[in-house]
C-alpha atoms as a PDB file:
ATOM      1  CA  MET A   1     -44.857   7.612  48.626  1.00  0.00           C
ATOM      2  CA  THR A   2     -42.475   4.749  49.365  1.00  0.00           C
ATOM      3  CA  VAL A   3     -41.045   4.198  52.831  1.00  0.00           C
ATOM      4  CA  ARG A   4     -38.135   1.826  53.342  1.00  0.00           C
ATOM      5  CA  PRO A   5     -37.414   1.427  57.044  1.00  0.00           C
ATOM      6  CA  SER A   6     -33.784   0.816  57.910  1.00  0.00           C
ATOM      7  CA  GLY A   7     -34.688  -1.566  60.730  1.00  0.00           C
ATOM      8  CA  PRO A   8     -37.464  -2.670  63.065  1.00  0.00           C
ATOM      9  CA  GLY A   9     -39.772  -0.038  64.448  1.00  0.00           C
ATOM     10  CA  ARG A  10     -43.185   1.535  64.156  1.00  0.00           C
ATOM     11  CA  ILE A  11     -44.886   3.675  61.553  1.00  0.00           C
ATOM     12  CA  VAL A  12     -47.617   6.127  62.497  1.00  0.00           C
ATOM     13  CA  VAL A  13     -49.587   7.821  59.735  1.00  0.00           C
ATOM     14  CA  CYS A  14     -51.850  10.590  60.969  1.00  0.00           C
ATOM     15  CA  SER A  15     -53.803  13.503  59.609  1.00  0.00           C
ATOM     16  CA  ASP A  16     -52.323  16.974  59.551  1.00  0.00           C
ATOM     17  CA  GLY A  17     -54.244  17.998  62.671  1.00  0.00           C
ATOM     18  CA  LEU A  18     -51.841  16.239  65.014  1.00  0.00           C
ATOM     19  CA  HIS A  19     -48.925  18.481  64.012  1.00  0.00           C
ATOM     20  CA  HIS A  20     -50.437  21.296  66.078  1.00  0.00           C
ATOM     21  CA  TYR A  21     -49.773  19.239  69.218  1.00  0.00           C
ATOM     22  CA  LEU A  22     -46.668  17.269  68.203  1.00  0.00           C
ATOM     23  CA  PRO A  23     -45.085  19.469  65.513  1.00  0.00           C
ATOM     24  CA  GLY A  24     -41.916  17.524  64.799  1.00  0.00           C
ATOM     25  CA  ALA A  25     -40.962  13.960  63.998  1.00  0.00           C
ATOM     26  CA  ASN A  26     -38.920  13.778  67.208  1.00  0.00           C
ATOM     27  CA  GLU A  27     -41.892  14.810  69.349  1.00  0.00           C
ATOM     28  CA  LEU A  28     -44.123  12.259  67.667  1.00  0.00           C
ATOM     29  CA  ALA A  29     -41.475   9.543  68.025  1.00  0.00           C
ATOM     30  CA  ALA A  30     -41.047  10.332  71.718  1.00  0.00           C
ATOM     31  CA  ALA A  31     -44.801  10.243  72.311  1.00  0.00           C
ATOM     32  CA  VAL A  32     -45.240   6.935  70.482  1.00  0.00           C
ATOM     33  CA  SER A  33     -42.213   5.281  72.090  1.00  0.00           C
ATOM     34  CA  GLY A  34     -43.800   5.798  75.511  1.00  0.00           C
ATOM     35  CA  LEU A  35     -46.992   3.965  74.506  1.00  0.00           C
ATOM     36  CA  PRO A  36     -47.691   0.215  74.429  1.00  0.00           C
ATOM     37  CA  PRO A  37     -46.953  -1.190  70.935  1.00  0.00           C
ATOM     38  CA  ARG A  38     -50.593  -1.898  70.121  1.00  0.00           C
ATOM     39  CA  PRO A  39     -52.548   0.063  67.502  1.00  0.00           C
ATOM     40  CA  LEU A  40     -55.443   0.945  69.806  1.00  0.00           C
ATOM     41  CA  ALA A  41     -53.112   2.059  72.598  1.00  0.00           C
ATOM     42  CA  VAL A  42     -51.183   4.306  70.195  1.00  0.00           C
ATOM     43  CA  ALA A  43     -54.379   5.828  68.788  1.00  0.00           C
ATOM     44  CA  GLN A  44     -55.762   6.423  72.290  1.00  0.00           C
ATOM     45  CA  GLY A  45     -52.482   7.878  73.543  1.00  0.00           C
ATOM     46  CA  LEU A  46     -52.114  10.284  70.627  1.00  0.00           C
ATOM     47  CA  THR A  47     -55.767  11.285  70.906  1.00  0.00           C
ATOM     48  CA  ARG A  48     -55.283  11.972  74.614  1.00  0.00           C
ATOM     49  CA  LEU A  49     -52.224  14.156  73.894  1.00  0.00           C
ATOM     50  CA  ALA A  50     -54.141  16.146  71.283  1.00  0.00           C
ATOM     51  CA  LEU A  51     -57.159  16.602  73.552  1.00  0.00           C
ATOM     52  CA  GLU A  52     -54.915  17.697  76.437  1.00  0.00           C
ATOM     53  CA  GLY A  53     -53.351  20.184  74.019  1.00  0.00           C
ATOM     54  CA  GLY A  54     -56.735  21.682  73.209  1.00  0.00           C
ATOM     55  CA  ALA A  55     -57.891  19.705  70.162  1.00  0.00           C
ATOM     56  CA  THR A  56     -61.567  20.075  69.384  1.00  0.00           C
ATOM     57  CA  THR A  57     -61.775  18.085  66.152  1.00  0.00           C
ATOM     58  CA  THR A  58     -61.391  14.431  65.254  1.00  0.00           C
ATOM     59  CA  TRP A  59     -58.442  13.006  63.311  1.00  0.00           C
ATOM     60  CA  ARG A  60     -57.307   9.500  62.378  1.00  0.00           C
ATOM     61  CA  SER A  61     -54.059   7.718  63.106  1.00  0.00           C
ATOM     62  CA  PRO A  62     -53.360   4.393  61.370  1.00  0.00           C
ATOM     63  CA  TYR A  63     -50.462   2.535  62.953  1.00  0.00           C
ATOM     64  CA  CYS A  64     -48.425  -0.557  62.156  1.00  0.00           C
ATOM     65  CA  ARG A  65     -45.315  -2.371  63.330  1.00  0.00           C
ATOM     66  CA  PHE A  66     -42.689  -3.705  60.966  1.00  0.00           C
ATOM     67  CA  ARG A  67     -39.855  -6.162  61.470  1.00  0.00           C
END
């Protein structure tokens, strides 16, 4: 897969398990935009949202910024 961002922003790549708690791109974008722009903070924030939504399994969420 090739991704060509149209401008500055963030990319979050996560396993399919997160879609149960943030099913659409807009929901994921809104959740990430409210978090500090640091990889650990994004991973912790998304993990917290999944756990609050009832998640019982572990998933991974790589994150990077681009300019």
